[in-house]
C-alpha cells in the first residue's frame, strides 16, 4: 500500500489525528470509490428507467365522483367501512379518555381522610 517515497503527514483537524498519504495512495482509493459510486448510480438509473412499468388504472375520477356526491354522508365517512371503524374507535377513545380525566380530577379533588 505505501511505497518508500510516500510521506505521512498528520492532520490535527480532528481529535483522532488523521493521516494523509501524499504519494497518490489516497487518490487511487478515492478514484476507485468514485468509480464504484458512479457504477452504482448507473445501475440504479437503469433499473428504475428500464424496468417494466405496471400500468395501474387511474382511480382519481372515481374517487372525485364519490366524494363530490351530495348524499348526506359526512366526508370523513365516505371512504367506506374502514373510515367508519376509525371514526368510531376515535370517538370511543376520546369520550373514554375525557371521562377518565374527569374521574381522576374528582379523585384528586377529594383527598383521603387521615385517621
PDB file of N, CA and C in Angstrom:
ATOM      1  N   UNK A   1       0.819  -1.180   0.000  1.00  0.00           N
ATOM      2  CA  UNK A   1       0.000   0.000   0.000  1.00  0.00           C
ATOM      3  C   UNK A   1       0.868   1.250   0.000  1.00  0.00           C
ATOM      4  N   UNK A   2       1.780   1.358   0.927  1.00  0.00           N
ATOM      5  CA  UNK A   2       2.680   2.509   0.973  1.00  0.00           C
ATOM      6  C   UNK A   2       3.968   2.165   0.250  1.00  0.00           C
ATOM      7  N   UNK A   3       4.491   3.107  -0.488  1.00  0.00           N
ATOM      8  CA  UNK A   3       5.793   2.925  -1.127  1.00  0.00           C
ATOM      9  C   UNK A   3       6.836   3.687  -0.325  1.00  0.00           C
ATOM     10  N   UNK A   4       8.084   3.529  -0.731  1.00  0.00           N
ATOM     11  CA  UNK A   4       9.146   4.163   0.033  1.00  0.00           C
ATOM     12  C   UNK A   4       9.140   5.675  -0.086  1.00  0.00           C
ATOM     13  N   UNK A   5       8.698   6.205  -1.228  1.00  0.00           N
ATOM     14  CA  UNK A   5       8.736   7.648  -1.407  1.00  0.00           C
ATOM     15  C   UNK A   5       7.484   8.347  -0.892  1.00  0.00           C
ATOM     16  N   UNK A   6       6.552   7.613  -0.269  1.00  0.00           N
ATOM     17  CA  UNK A   6       5.353   8.256   0.259  1.00  0.00           C
ATOM     18  C   UNK A   6       5.661   8.912   1.593  1.00  0.00           C
ATOM     19  N   UNK A   7       4.966   9.954   1.857  1.00  0.00           N
ATOM     20  CA  UNK A   7       5.194  10.731   3.068  1.00  0.00           C
ATOM     21  C   UNK A   7       3.909  10.771   3.883  1.00  0.00           C
ATOM     22  N   UNK A   8       3.986  10.528   5.168  1.00  0.00           N
ATOM     23  CA  UNK A   8       2.818  10.548   6.044  1.00  0.00           C
ATOM     24  C   UNK A   8       2.807  11.888   6.762  1.00  0.00           C
ATOM     25  N   UNK A   9       1.694  12.614   6.598  1.00  0.00           N
ATOM     26  CA  UNK A   9       1.575  13.944   7.194  1.00  0.00           C
ATOM     27  C   UNK A   9       0.406  13.929   8.159  1.00  0.00           C
ATOM     28  N   UNK A  10       0.610  14.173   9.458  1.00  0.00           N
ATOM     29  CA  UNK A  10      -0.520  14.211  10.392  1.00  0.00           C
ATOM     30  C   UNK A  10      -1.321  15.503  10.212  1.00  0.00           C
ATOM     31  N   UNK A  11      -2.632  15.347  10.271  1.00  0.00           N
ATOM     32  CA  UNK A  11      -3.529  16.498  10.147  1.00  0.00           C
ATOM     33  C   UNK A  11      -4.275  16.638  11.468  1.00  0.00           C
ATOM     34  N   UNK A  12      -4.056  17.725  12.204  1.00  0.00           N
ATOM     35  CA  UNK A  12      -4.696  17.868  13.517  1.00  0.00           C
ATOM     36  C   UNK A  12      -6.108  18.446  13.448  1.00  0.00           C
ATOM     37  N   UNK A  13      -6.848  18.181  12.384  1.00  0.00           N
ATOM     38  CA  UNK A  13      -8.187  18.745  12.247  1.00  0.00           C
ATOM     39  C   UNK A  13      -9.174  18.056  13.186  1.00  0.00           C
ATOM     40  N   UNK A  14      -9.064  16.772  13.362  1.00  0.00           N
ATOM     41  CA  UNK A  14      -9.956  16.037  14.239  1.00  0.00           C
ATOM     42  C   UNK A  14      -9.194  15.622  15.485  1.00  0.00           C
ATOM     43  N   UNK A  15      -9.887  15.249  16.517  1.00  0.00           N
ATOM     44  CA  UNK A  15      -9.185  14.836  17.734  1.00  0.00           C
ATOM     45  C   UNK A  15      -8.413  13.535  17.554  1.00  0.00           C
ATOM     46  N   UNK A  16      -8.700  12.760  16.531  1.00  0.00           N
ATOM     47  CA  UNK A  16      -8.043  11.473  16.358  1.00  0.00           C
ATOM     48  C   UNK A  16      -6.832  11.552  15.440  1.00  0.00           C
ATOM     49  N   UNK A  17      -6.455  12.723  14.949  1.00  0.00           N
ATOM     50  CA  UNK A  17      -5.268  12.947  14.139  1.00  0.00           C
ATOM     51  C   UNK A  17      -5.215  12.019  12.929  1.00  0.00           C
ATOM     52  N   UNK A  18      -5.896  12.398  11.885  1.00  0.00           N
ATOM     53  CA  UNK A  18      -5.942  11.624  10.651  1.00  0.00           C
ATOM     54  C   UNK A  18      -4.599  11.650   9.947  1.00  0.00           C
ATOM     55  N   UNK A  19      -4.376  10.650   9.141  1.00  0.00           N
ATOM     56  CA  UNK A  19      -3.151  10.596   8.351  1.00  0.00           C
ATOM     57  C   UNK A  19      -3.495  10.782   6.879  1.00  0.00           C
ATOM     58  N   UNK A  20      -2.715  11.632   6.214  1.00  0.00           N
ATOM     59  CA  UNK A  20      -2.929  11.871   4.793  1.00  0.00           C
ATOM     60  C   UNK A  20      -1.711  11.337   4.062  1.00  0.00           C
ATOM     61  N   UNK A  21      -1.922  10.526   3.046  1.00  0.00           N
ATOM     62  CA  UNK A  21      -0.827   9.959   2.276  1.00  0.00           C
ATOM     63  C   UNK A  21      -0.639  10.821   1.041  1.00  0.00           C
ATOM     64  N   UNK A  22       0.576  11.289   0.813  1.00  0.00           N
ATOM     65  CA  UNK A  22       0.802  12.283  -0.226  1.00  0.00           C
ATOM     66  C   UNK A  22       1.185  11.703  -1.575  1.00  0.00           C
ATOM     67  N   UNK A  23       1.449  10.410  -1.703  1.00  0.00           N
ATOM     68  CA  UNK A  23       2.004   9.883  -2.941  1.00  0.00           C
ATOM     69  C   UNK A  23       0.947   9.531  -3.972  1.00  0.00           C
ATOM     70  N   UNK A  24      -0.250   9.468  -3.658  1.00  0.00           N
ATOM     71  CA  UNK A  24      -1.275   9.083  -4.618  1.00  0.00           C
ATOM     72  C   UNK A  24      -2.070   7.887  -4.143  1.00  0.00           C
ATOM     73  N   UNK A  25      -1.710   7.318  -3.008  1.00  0.00           N
ATOM     74  CA  UNK A  25      -2.477   6.203  -2.466  1.00  0.00           C
ATOM     75  C   UNK A  25      -3.883   6.671  -2.153  1.00  0.00           C
ATOM     76  N   UNK A  26      -3.980   7.834  -1.557  1.00  0.00           N
ATOM     77  CA  UNK A  26      -5.288   8.395  -1.206  1.00  0.00           C
ATOM     78  C   UNK A  26      -6.108   8.655  -2.468  1.00  0.00           C
ATOM     79  N   UNK A  27      -5.433   9.152  -3.528  1.00  0.00           N
ATOM     80  CA  UNK A  27      -6.160   9.450  -4.763  1.00  0.00           C
ATOM     81  C   UNK A  27      -6.631   8.180  -5.440  1.00  0.00           C
ATOM     82  N   UNK A  28      -5.846   7.101  -5.371  1.00  0.00           N
ATOM     83  CA  UNK A  28      -6.273   5.864  -6.010  1.00  0.00           C
ATOM     84  C   UNK A  28      -7.472   5.272  -5.276  1.00  0.00           C
ATOM     85  N   UNK A  29      -7.470   5.351  -3.957  1.00  0.00           N
ATOM     86  CA  UNK A  29      -8.619   4.871  -3.190  1.00  0.00           C
ATOM     87  C   UNK A  29      -9.843   5.709  -3.505  1.00  0.00           C
ATOM     88  N   UNK A  30      -9.658   7.020  -3.564  1.00  0.00           N
ATOM     89  CA  UNK A  30     -10.781   7.899  -3.866  1.00  0.00           C
ATOM     90  C   UNK A  30     -11.301   7.653  -5.274  1.00  0.00           C
ATOM     91  N   UNK A  31     -10.405   7.440  -6.236  1.00  0.00           N
ATOM     92  CA  UNK A  31     -10.830   7.189  -7.609  1.00  0.00           C
ATOM     93  C   UNK A  31     -11.605   5.889  -7.708  1.00  0.00           C
ATOM     94  N   UNK A  32     -11.148   4.855  -6.998  1.00  0.00           N
ATOM     95  CA  UNK A  32     -11.873   3.582  -7.009  1.00  0.00           C
ATOM     96  C   UNK A  32     -13.251   3.744  -6.392  1.00  0.00           C
ATOM     97  N   UNK A  33     -13.318   4.466  -5.289  1.00  0.00           N
ATOM     98  CA  UNK A  33     -14.606   4.681  -4.632  1.00  0.00           C
ATOM     99  C   UNK A  33     -15.551   5.462  -5.532  1.00  0.00           C
ATOM    100  N   UNK A  34     -14.998   6.460  -6.228  1.00  0.00           N
ATOM    101  CA  UNK A  34     -15.821   7.272  -7.122  1.00  0.00           C
ATOM    102  C   UNK A  34     -16.325   6.454  -8.305  1.00  0.00           C
ATOM    103  N   UNK A  35     -15.443   5.587  -8.865  1.00  0.00           N
ATOM    104  CA  UNK A  35     -15.880   4.726  -9.969  1.00  0.00           C
ATOM    105  C   UNK A  35     -16.988   3.790  -9.515  1.00  0.00           C
ATOM    106  N   UNK A  36     -16.838   3.214  -8.326  1.00  0.00           N
ATOM    107  CA  UNK A  36     -17.877   2.323  -7.806  1.00  0.00           C
ATOM    108  C   UNK A  36     -19.176   3.067  -7.575  1.00  0.00           C
ATOM    109  N   UNK A  37     -19.089   4.280  -7.076  1.00  0.00           N
ATOM    110  CA  UNK A  37     -20.285   5.084  -6.837  1.00  0.00           C
ATOM    111  C   UNK A  37     -20.992   5.421  -8.144  1.00  0.00           C
ATOM    112  N   UNK A  38     -20.217   5.788  -9.165  1.00  0.00           N
ATOM    113  CA  UNK A  38     -20.817   6.100 -10.464  1.00  0.00           C
ATOM    114  C   UNK A  38     -21.447   4.858 -11.085  1.00  0.00           C
ATOM    115  N   UNK A  39     -20.789   3.705 -10.959  1.00  0.00           N
ATOM    116  CA  UNK A  39     -21.355   2.472 -11.486  1.00  0.00           C
ATOM    117  C   UNK A  39     -22.655   2.137 -10.779  1.00  0.00           C
ATOM    118  N   UNK A  40     -22.663   2.309  -9.470  1.00  0.00           N
ATOM    119  CA  UNK A  40     -23.878   2.047  -8.702  1.00  0.00           C
ATOM    120  C   UNK A  40     -25.001   2.987  -9.126  1.00  0.00           C
ATOM    121  N   UNK A  41     -24.666   4.243  -9.385  1.00  0.00           N
ATOM    122  CA  UNK A  41     -25.655   5.214  -9.823  1.00  0.00           C
ATOM    123  C   UNK A  41     -26.237   4.817 -11.176  1.00  0.00           C
ATOM    124  N   UNK A  42     -25.364   4.365 -12.091  1.00  0.00           N
ATOM    125  CA  UNK A  42     -25.837   3.955 -13.414  1.00  0.00           C
ATOM    126  C   UNK A  42     -26.729   2.728 -13.320  1.00  0.00           C
ATOM    127  N   UNK A  43     -26.355   1.791 -12.465  1.00  0.00           N
ATOM    128  CA  UNK A  43     -27.188   0.595 -12.297  1.00  0.00           C
ATOM    129  C   UNK A  43     -28.547   0.982 -11.723  1.00  0.00           C
ATOM    130  N   UNK A  44     -28.537   1.887 -10.746  1.00  0.00           N
ATOM    131  CA  UNK A  44     -29.798   2.340 -10.161  1.00  0.00           C
ATOM    132  C   UNK A  44     -30.688   3.033 -11.165  1.00  0.00           C
ATOM    133  N   UNK A  45     -30.105   3.876 -12.006  1.00  0.00           N
ATOM    134  CA  UNK A  45     -30.897   4.560 -13.027  1.00  0.00           C
ATOM    135  C   UNK A  45     -31.429   3.574 -14.044  1.00  0.00           C
ATOM    136  N   UNK A  46     -30.606   2.609 -14.422  1.00  0.00           N
ATOM    137  CA  UNK A  46     -31.001   1.649 -15.430  1.00  0.00           C
ATOM    138  C   UNK A  46     -32.167   0.809 -14.934  1.00  0.00           C
ATOM    139  N   UNK A  47     -32.115   0.351 -13.678  1.00  0.00           N
ATOM    140  CA  UNK A  47     -33.190  -0.492 -13.178  1.00  0.00           C
ATOM    141  C   UNK A  47     -34.472   0.299 -12.977  1.00  0.00           C
ATOM    142  N   UNK A  48     -34.347   1.580 -12.646  1.00  0.00           N
ATOM    143  CA  UNK A  48     -35.551   2.377 -12.457  1.00  0.00           C
ATOM    144  C   UNK A  48     -36.164   2.754 -13.797  1.00  0.00           C
ATOM    145  N   UNK A  49     -35.334   3.170 -14.763  1.00  0.00           N
ATOM    146  CA  UNK A  49     -35.869   3.702 -16.014  1.00  0.00           C
ATOM    147  C   UNK A  49     -36.276   2.617 -16.996  1.00  0.00           C
ATOM    148  N   UNK A  50     -35.613   1.456 -16.998  1.00  0.00           N
ATOM    149  CA  UNK A  50     -35.926   0.447 -18.000  1.00  0.00           C
ATOM    150  C   UNK A  50     -36.764  -0.694 -17.454  1.00  0.00           C
ATOM    151  N   UNK A  51     -37.131  -0.641 -16.207  1.00  0.00           N
ATOM    152  CA  UNK A  51     -37.949  -1.701 -15.629  1.00  0.00           C
ATOM    153  C   UNK A  51     -39.336  -1.658 -16.249  1.00  0.00           C
ATOM    154  N   UNK A  52     -39.939  -2.822 -16.369  1.00  0.00           N
ATOM    155  CA  UNK A  52     -41.280  -2.842 -16.937  1.00  0.00           C
ATOM    156  C   UNK A  52     -42.224  -2.150 -15.964  1.00  0.00           C
ATOM    157  N   UNK A  53     -42.933  -1.200 -16.464  1.00  0.00           N
ATOM    158  CA  UNK A  53     -43.823  -0.419 -15.610  1.00  0.00           C
ATOM    159  C   UNK A  53     -45.182  -1.078 -15.552  1.00  0.00           C
ATOM    160  N   UNK A  54     -45.705  -1.129 -14.364  1.00  0.00           N
ATOM    161  CA  UNK A  54     -47.057  -1.661 -14.208  1.00  0.00           C
ATOM    162  C   UNK A  54     -48.025  -0.533 -14.491  1.00  0.00           C
ATOM    163  N   UNK A  55     -48.986  -0.833 -15.290  1.00  0.00           N
ATOM    164  CA  UNK A  55     -49.966   0.194 -15.624  1.00  0.00           C
ATOM    165  C   UNK A  55     -51.181   0.004 -14.730  1.00  0.00           C
ATOM    166  N   UNK A  56     -51.362   0.947 -13.819  1.00  0.00           N
ATOM    167  CA  UNK A  56     -52.493   0.915 -12.915  1.00  0.00           C
ATOM    168  C   UNK A  56     -53.594   1.796 -13.478  1.00  0.00           C
ATOM    169  N   UNK A  57     -54.818   1.402 -13.187  1.00  0.00           N
ATOM    170  CA  UNK A  57     -55.943   2.209 -13.607  1.00  0.00           C
ATOM    171  C   UNK A  57     -56.018   3.453 -12.732  1.00  0.00           C
ATOM    172  N   UNK A  58     -56.253   4.594 -13.354  1.00  0.00           N
ATOM    173  CA  UNK A  58     -56.363   5.841 -12.620  1.00  0.00           C
ATOM    174  C   UNK A  58     -57.717   5.876 -11.910  1.00  0.00           C
ATOM    175  N   UNK A  59     -57.684   5.844 -10.584  1.00  0.00           N
ATOM    176  CA  UNK A  59     -58.918   5.808  -9.795  1.00  0.00           C
ATOM    177  C   UNK A  59     -59.332   7.181  -9.291  1.00  0.00           C
ATOM    178  N   UNK A  60     -58.594   8.212  -9.641  1.00  0.00           N
ATOM    179  CA  UNK A  60     -58.889   9.550  -9.144  1.00  0.00           C
ATOM    180  C   UNK A  60     -60.271  10.038  -9.591  1.00  0.00           C
ATOM    181  N   UNK A  61     -60.660   9.898 -10.874  1.00  0.00           N
ATOM    182  CA  UNK A  61     -62.002  10.374 -11.252  1.00  0.00           C
ATOM    183  C   UNK A  61     -63.129   9.673 -10.489  1.00  0.00           C
ATOM    184  N   UNK A  62     -62.945   8.363 -10.224  1.00  0.00           N
ATOM    185  CA  UNK A  62     -63.976   7.638  -9.471  1.00  0.00           C
ATOM    186  C   UNK A  62     -64.070   8.165  -8.037  1.00  0.00           C
ATOM    187  N   UNK A  63     -62.911   8.408  -7.428  1.00  0.00           N
ATOM    188  CA  UNK A  63     -62.900   8.946  -6.066  1.00  0.00           C
ATOM    189  C   UNK A  63     -63.478  10.360  -6.024  1.00  0.00           C
ATOM    190  N   UNK A  64     -63.199  11.161  -7.051  1.00  0.00           N
ATOM    191  CA  UNK A  64     -63.766  12.514  -7.102  1.00  0.00           C
ATOM    192  C   UNK A  64     -65.278  12.463  -7.158  1.00  0.00           C
ATOM    193  N   UNK A  65     -65.812  11.569  -7.979  1.00  0.00           N
ATOM    194  CA  UNK A  65     -67.271  11.437  -8.058  1.00  0.00           C
ATOM    195  C   UNK A  65     -67.843  10.998  -6.712  1.00  0.00           C
ATOM    196  N   UNK A  66     -67.183  10.043  -6.066  1.00  0.00           N
ATOM    197  CA  UNK A  66     -67.652   9.536  -4.780  1.00  0.00           C
ATOM    198  C   UNK A  66     -67.685  10.640  -3.732  1.00  0.00           C
ATOM    199  N   UNK A  67     -66.616  11.423  -3.642  1.00  0.00           N
ATOM    200  CA  UNK A  67     -66.529  12.444  -2.602  1.00  0.00           C
ATOM    201  C   UNK A  67     -67.326  13.700  -2.923  1.00  0.00           C
ATOM    202  N   UNK A  68     -67.676  13.913  -4.193  1.00  0.00           N
ATOM    203  CA  UNK A  68     -68.445  15.103  -4.547  1.00  0.00           C
ATOM    204  C   UNK A  68     -69.944  14.858  -4.579  1.00  0.00           C
ATOM    205  N   UNK A  69     -70.379  13.608  -4.416  1.00  0.00           N
ATOM    206  CA  UNK A  69     -71.812  13.319  -4.381  1.00  0.00           C
ATOM    207  C   UNK A  69     -72.442  13.991  -3.168  1.00  0.00           C
ATOM    208  N   UNK A  70     -73.686  14.434  -3.360  1.00  0.00           N
ATOM    209  CA  UNK A  70     -74.422  15.018  -2.241  1.00  0.00           C
ATOM    210  C   UNK A  70     -75.416  13.964  -1.757  1.00  0.00           C
ATOM    211  N   UNK A  71     -74.958  13.103  -0.860  1.00  0.00           N
ATOM    212  CA  UNK A  71     -75.803  12.009  -0.375  1.00  0.00           C
ATOM    213  C   UNK A  71     -75.950  12.029   1.145  1.00  0.00           C
ATOM    214  N   UNK A  72     -75.714  13.194   1.757  1.00  0.00           N
ATOM    215  CA  UNK A  72     -75.919  13.414   3.192  1.00  0.00           C
ATOM    216  C   UNK A  72     -74.998  12.566   4.074  1.00  0.00           C
ATOM    217  N   UNK A  73     -73.960  11.978   3.509  1.00  0.00           N
ATOM    218  CA  UNK A  73     -72.964  11.255   4.307  1.00  0.00           C
ATOM    219  C   UNK A  73     -71.809  12.209   4.563  1.00  0.00           C
ATOM    220  N   UNK A  74     -71.344  12.327   5.813  1.00  0.00           N
ATOM    221  CA  UNK A  74     -70.210  13.218   6.081  1.00  0.00           C
ATOM    222  C   UNK A  74     -68.974  12.794   5.291  1.00  0.00           C
ATOM    223  N   UNK A  75     -68.167  13.735   4.951  1.00  0.00           N
ATOM    224  CA  UNK A  75     -66.990  13.496   4.122  1.00  0.00           C
ATOM    225  C   UNK A  75     -66.044  12.489   4.766  1.00  0.00           C
ATOM    226  N   UNK A  76     -65.914  12.540   6.079  1.00  0.00           N
ATOM    227  CA  UNK A  76     -64.977  11.657   6.759  1.00  0.00           C
ATOM    228  C   UNK A  76     -65.485  10.227   6.843  1.00  0.00           C
ATOM    229  N   UNK A  77     -66.703   9.947   6.409  1.00  0.00           N
ATOM    230  CA  UNK A  77     -67.245   8.590   6.406  1.00  0.00           C
ATOM    231  C   UNK A  77     -67.461   8.050   5.003  1.00  0.00           C
ATOM    232  N   UNK A  78     -67.131   8.814   3.970  1.00  0.00           N
ATOM    233  CA  UNK A  78     -67.391   8.373   2.596  1.00  0.00           C
ATOM    234  C   UNK A  78     -66.391   7.332   2.100  1.00  0.00           C
ATOM    235  N   UNK A  79     -65.338   7.067   2.838  1.00  0.00           N
ATOM    236  CA  UNK A  79     -64.331   6.111   2.403  1.00  0.00           C
ATOM    237  C   UNK A  79     -64.718   4.662   2.607  1.00  0.00           C
ATOM    238  N   UNK A  80     -65.823   4.403   3.281  1.00  0.00           N
ATOM    239  CA  UNK A  80     -66.270   3.025   3.462  1.00  0.00           C
ATOM    240  C   UNK A  80     -66.183   2.572   4.899  1.00  0.00           C
ATOM    241  N   UNK A  81     -66.121   1.251   5.061  1.00  0.00           N
ATOM    242  CA  UNK A  81     -66.167   0.647   6.396  1.00  0.00           C
ATOM    243  C   UNK A  81     -64.912   0.992   7.207  1.00  0.00           C
ATOM    244  N   UNK A  82     -63.770   1.121   6.553  1.00  0.00           N
ATOM    245  CA  UNK A  82     -62.533   1.446   7.285  1.00  0.00           C
ATOM    246  C   UNK A  82     -62.652   2.832   7.924  1.00  0.00           C
ATOM    247  N   UNK A  83     -63.207   3.792   7.192  1.00  0.00           N
ATOM    248  CA  UNK A  83     -63.393   5.131   7.750  1.00  0.00           C
ATOM    249  C   UNK A  83     -64.372   5.103   8.924  1.00  0.00           C
ATOM    250  N   UNK A  84     -65.432   4.315   8.807  1.00  0.00           N
ATOM    251  CA  UNK A  84     -66.416   4.224   9.878  1.00  0.00           C
ATOM    252  C   UNK A  84     -65.793   3.614  11.135  1.00  0.00           C
ATOM    253  N   UNK A  85     -64.985   2.572  10.962  1.00  0.00           N
ATOM    254  CA  UNK A  85     -64.342   1.945  12.121  1.00  0.00           C
ATOM    255  C   UNK A  85     -63.339   2.887  12.775  1.00  0.00           C
ATOM    256  N   UNK A  86     -62.555   3.590  11.979  1.00  0.00           N
ATOM    257  CA  UNK A  86     -61.599   4.546  12.541  1.00  0.00           C
ATOM    258  C   UNK A  86     -62.312   5.674  13.277  1.00  0.00           C
ATOM    259  N   UNK A  87     -63.409   6.148  12.714  1.00  0.00           N
ATOM    260  CA  UNK A  87     -64.179   7.218  13.349  1.00  0.00           C
ATOM    261  C   UNK A  87     -64.730   6.757  14.692  1.00  0.00           C
ATOM    262  N   UNK A  88     -65.318   5.555  14.714  1.00  0.00           N
ATOM    263  CA  UNK A  88     -65.900   5.053  15.956  1.00  0.00           C
ATOM    264  C   UNK A  88     -64.829   4.802  17.015  1.00  0.00           C
ATOM    265  N   UNK A  89     -63.692   4.239  16.607  1.00  0.00           N
ATOM    266  CA  UNK A  89     -62.610   3.995  17.562  1.00  0.00           C
ATOM    267  C   UNK A  89     -62.097   5.312  18.138  1.00  0.00           C
ATOM    268  N   UNK A  90     -61.967   6.331  17.282  1.00  0.00           N
ATOM    269  CA  UNK A  90     -61.507   7.639  17.745  1.00  0.00           C
ATOM    270  C   UNK A  90     -62.493   8.248  18.727  1.00  0.00           C
ATOM    271  N   UNK A  91     -63.767   8.140  18.430  1.00  0.00           N
ATOM    272  CA  UNK A  91     -64.773   8.707  19.323  1.00  0.00           C
ATOM    273  C   UNK A  91     -64.810   7.970  20.664  1.00  0.00           C
ATOM    274  N   UNK A  92     -64.687   6.630  20.638  1.00  0.00           N
ATOM    275  CA  UNK A  92     -64.690   5.858  21.882  1.00  0.00           C
ATOM    276  C   UNK A  92     -63.488   6.245  22.742  1.00  0.00           C
ATOM    277  N   UNK A  93     -62.312   6.342  22.117  1.00  0.00           N
ATOM    278  CA  UNK A  93     -61.117   6.723  22.873  1.00  0.00           C
ATOM    279  C   UNK A  93     -61.217   8.150  23.416  1.00  0.00           C
ATOM    280  N   UNK A  94     -61.807   9.052  22.650  1.00  0.00           N
ATOM    281  CA  UNK A  94     -61.939  10.438  23.092  1.00  0.00           C
ATOM    282  C   UNK A  94     -62.903  10.561  24.264  1.00  0.00           C
ATOM    283  N   UNK A  95     -64.073   9.951  24.134  1.00  0.00           N
ATOM    284  CA  UNK A  95     -65.059  10.021  25.211  1.00  0.00           C
ATOM    285  C   UNK A  95     -64.550   9.280  26.449  1.00  0.00           C
ATOM    286  N   UNK A  96     -63.953   8.107  26.247  1.00  0.00           N
ATOM    287  CA  UNK A  96     -63.414   7.353  27.376  1.00  0.00           C
ATOM    288  C   UNK A  96     -62.279   8.104  28.073  1.00  0.00           C
ATOM    289  N   UNK A  97     -61.394   8.715  27.310  1.00  0.00           N
ATOM    290  CA  UNK A  97     -60.297   9.479  27.894  1.00  0.00           C
ATOM    291  C   UNK A  97     -60.781  10.695  28.653  1.00  0.00           C
ATOM    292  N   UNK A  98     -61.796  11.360  28.121  1.00  0.00           N
ATOM    293  CA  UNK A  98     -62.361  12.521  28.810  1.00  0.00           C
ATOM    294  C   UNK A  98     -63.023  12.105  30.123  1.00  0.00           C
ATOM    295  N   UNK A  99     -63.776  11.010  30.081  1.00  0.00           N
ATOM    296  CA  UNK A  99     -64.423  10.522  31.305  1.00  0.00           C
ATOM    297  C   UNK A  99     -63.381  10.123  32.342  1.00  0.00           C
ATOM    298  N   UNK A 100     -62.313   9.472  31.927  1.00  0.00           N
ATOM    299  CA  UNK A 100     -61.258   9.061  32.852  1.00  0.00           C
ATOM    300  C   UNK A 100     -60.543  10.272  33.445  1.00  0.00           C
ATOM    301  N   UNK A 101     -60.308  11.290  32.626  1.00  0.00           N
ATOM    302  CA  UNK A 101     -59.651  12.506  33.123  1.00  0.00           C
ATOM    303  C   UNK A 101     -60.526  13.205  34.161  1.00  0.00           C
ATOM    304  N   UNK A 102     -61.832  13.262  33.909  1.00  0.00           N
ATOM    305  CA  UNK A 102     -62.748  13.880  34.871  1.00  0.00           C
ATOM    306  C   UNK A 102     -62.790  13.059  36.162  1.00  0.00           C
ATOM    307  N   UNK A 103     -62.795  11.735  36.051  1.00  0.00           N
ATOM    308  CA  UNK A 103     -62.783  10.877  37.233  1.00  0.00           C
ATOM    309  C   UNK A 103     -61.521  11.114  38.056  1.00  0.00           C
ATOM    310  N   UNK A 104     -60.359  11.151  37.400  1.00  0.00           N
ATOM    311  CA  UNK A 104     -59.103  11.383  38.114  1.00  0.00           C
ATOM    312  C   UNK A 104     -59.069  12.768  38.756  1.00  0.00           C
ATOM    313  N   UNK A 105     -59.666  13.752  38.110  1.00  0.00           N
ATOM    314  CA  UNK A 105     -59.748  15.100  38.684  1.00  0.00           C
ATOM    315  C   UNK A 105     -60.618  15.087  39.937  1.00  0.00           C
ATOM    316  N   UNK A 106     -61.713  14.346  39.883  1.00  0.00           N
ATOM    317  CA  UNK A 106     -62.584  14.245  41.055  1.00  0.00           C
ATOM    318  C   UNK A 106     -61.892  13.522  42.196  1.00  0.00           C
ATOM    319  N   UNK A 107     -61.159  12.470  41.913  1.00  0.00           N
ATOM    320  CA  UNK A 107     -60.435  11.727  42.946  1.00  0.00           C
ATOM    321  C   UNK A 107     -59.372  12.621  43.566  1.00  0.00           C
ATOM    322  N   UNK A 108     -58.697  13.422  42.755  1.00  0.00           N
ATOM    323  CA  UNK A 108     -57.667  14.301  43.281  1.00  0.00           C
ATOM    324  C   UNK A 108     -58.255  15.468  44.057  1.00  0.00           C
ATOM    325  N   UNK A 109     -59.501  15.831  43.772  1.00  0.00           N
ATOM    326  CA  UNK A 109     -60.143  16.972  44.451  1.00  0.00           C
ATOM    327  C   UNK A 109     -60.527  16.651  45.886  1.00  0.00           C
ATOM    328  N   UNK A 110     -60.833  15.385  46.148  1.00  0.00           N
ATOM    329  CA  UNK A 110     -61.257  14.984  47.488  1.00  0.00           C
ATOM    330  C   UNK A 110     -60.205  14.057  48.076  1.00  0.00           C
ATOM    331  N   UNK A 111     -59.274  14.623  48.839  1.00  0.00           N
ATOM    332  CA  UNK A 111     -58.203  13.786  49.401  1.00  0.00           C
ATOM    333  C   UNK A 111     -58.746  12.824  50.460  1.00  0.00           C
ATOM    334  N   UNK A 112     -58.004  11.753  50.679  1.00  0.00           N
ATOM    335  CA  UNK A 112     -58.399  10.752  51.679  1.00  0.00           C
ATOM    336  C   UNK A 112     -58.227  11.363  53.078  1.00  0.00           C
ATOM    337  N   UNK A 113     -59.124  10.965  53.963  1.00  0.00           N
ATOM    338  CA  UNK A 113     -59.065  11.490  55.337  1.00  0.00           C
ATOM    339  C   UNK A 113     -57.969  10.763  56.101  1.00  0.00           C
ATOM    340  N   UNK A 114     -57.244  11.513  56.910  1.00  0.00           N
ATOM    341  CA  UNK A 114     -56.198  10.939  57.759  1.00  0.00           C
ATOM    342  C   UNK A 114     -56.832  10.461  59.071  1.00  0.00           C
ATOM    343  N   UNK A 115     -56.594   9.225  59.460  1.00  0.00           N
ATOM    344  CA  UNK A 115     -57.161   8.710  60.703  1.00  0.00           C
ATOM    345  C   UNK A 115     -56.168   8.677  61.805  1.00  0.00           C
TER     346      UNK A 115
END
